[in-house]
Amino acid sequence: MLTIVIVEKEPFTLLGIKTALSQTHNIKVSGEATCTEIAFQLVEQKWSLKL
């Protein structure tokens, strides 16, 4: 299974991407962000990585 964080600045586009990916069986949406700063924070928190 592929675990991803979605980064998209437009909220409705983000929702559409998340909805589409959530319907697949081999992709898990682990987080979402509207900017790269928040995305990096999510990745650091969830996977204990320093970026």
C-alpha atoms as a PDB file:
ATOM      1  CA  MET A   1       0.000   0.000   0.000  1.00  0.00           C
ATOM      2  CA  LEU A   2       1.198   3.472  -0.877  1.00  0.00           C
ATOM      3  CA  THR A   3       0.818   6.119   1.842  1.00  0.00           C
ATOM      4  CA  ILE A   4       0.747   9.723   0.650  1.00  0.00           C
ATOM      5  CA  VAL A   5       0.313  13.325   1.747  1.00  0.00           C
ATOM      6  CA  ILE A   6      -1.580  15.487  -0.742  1.00  0.00           C
ATOM      7  CA  VAL A   7      -0.395  19.068  -1.259  1.00  0.00           C
ATOM      8  CA  GLU A   8      -2.712  21.392  -3.188  1.00  0.00           C
ATOM      9  CA  LYS A   9      -3.383  25.069  -2.552  1.00  0.00           C
ATOM     10  CA  GLU A  10      -6.966  25.061  -3.893  1.00  0.00           C
ATOM     11  CA  PRO A  11      -9.323  23.531  -1.274  1.00  0.00           C
ATOM     12  CA  PHE A  12     -11.868  22.148  -3.754  1.00  0.00           C
ATOM     13  CA  THR A  13      -9.162  20.591  -5.913  1.00  0.00           C
ATOM     14  CA  LEU A  14      -7.613  19.083  -2.784  1.00  0.00           C
ATOM     15  CA  LEU A  15     -10.979  17.599  -1.833  1.00  0.00           C
ATOM     16  CA  GLY A  16     -11.441  16.147  -5.315  1.00  0.00           C
ATOM     17  CA  ILE A  17      -7.995  14.556  -5.336  1.00  0.00           C
ATOM     18  CA  LYS A  18      -8.494  13.150  -1.844  1.00  0.00           C
ATOM     19  CA  THR A  19     -11.912  11.757  -2.754  1.00  0.00           C
ATOM     20  CA  ALA A  20     -10.615  10.121  -5.934  1.00  0.00           C
ATOM     21  CA  LEU A  21      -7.582   8.584  -4.240  1.00  0.00           C
ATOM     22  CA  SER A  22      -9.596   7.412  -1.236  1.00  0.00           C
ATOM     23  CA  GLN A  23     -11.620   5.180  -3.550  1.00  0.00           C
ATOM     24  CA  THR A  24      -8.566   3.158  -4.554  1.00  0.00           C
ATOM     25  CA  HIS A  25      -7.572   0.137  -2.506  1.00  0.00           C
ATOM     26  CA  ASN A  26      -3.810   0.529  -2.742  1.00  0.00           C
ATOM     27  CA  ILE A  27      -3.439   4.209  -1.755  1.00  0.00           C
ATOM     28  CA  LYS A  28      -3.865   5.572   1.768  1.00  0.00           C
ATOM     29  CA  VAL A  29      -4.162   9.347   2.141  1.00  0.00           C
ATOM     30  CA  SER A  30      -2.276  10.011   5.359  1.00  0.00           C
ATOM     31  CA  GLY A  31      -2.577  13.793   5.347  1.00  0.00           C
ATOM     32  CA  GLU A  32      -3.374  16.863   3.342  1.00  0.00           C
ATOM     33  CA  ALA A  33      -1.949  20.348   3.170  1.00  0.00           C
ATOM     34  CA  THR A  34      -2.533  23.580   1.301  1.00  0.00           C
ATOM     35  CA  CYS A  35       1.140  24.628   1.338  1.00  0.00           C
ATOM     36  CA  THR A  36       4.535  22.966   1.385  1.00  0.00           C
ATOM     37  CA  GLU A  37       5.377  24.224   4.876  1.00  0.00           C
ATOM     38  CA  ILE A  38       2.435  22.333   6.370  1.00  0.00           C
ATOM     39  CA  ALA A  39       3.177  19.310   4.189  1.00  0.00           C
ATOM     40  CA  PHE A  40       6.743  19.104   5.489  1.00  0.00           C
ATOM     41  CA  GLN A  41       5.467  19.350   9.066  1.00  0.00           C
ATOM     42  CA  LEU A  42       3.023  16.494   8.429  1.00  0.00           C
ATOM     43  CA  VAL A  43       5.733  14.299   6.951  1.00  0.00           C
ATOM     44  CA  GLU A  44       8.093  15.042   9.834  1.00  0.00           C
ATOM     45  CA  GLN A  45       5.397  14.213  12.406  1.00  0.00           C
ATOM     46  CA  LYS A  46       4.042  11.057  10.777  1.00  0.00           C
ATOM     47  CA  TRP A  47       7.316   9.472   9.714  1.00  0.00           C
ATOM     48  CA  SER A  48       9.790  11.111  12.116  1.00  0.00           C
ATOM     49  CA  LEU A  49      11.799  12.545   9.222  1.00  0.00           C
ATOM     50  CA  LYS A  50      13.758  15.765   9.162  1.00  0.00           C
ATOM     51  CA  LEU A  51      13.346  17.580   5.861  1.00  0.00           C
END
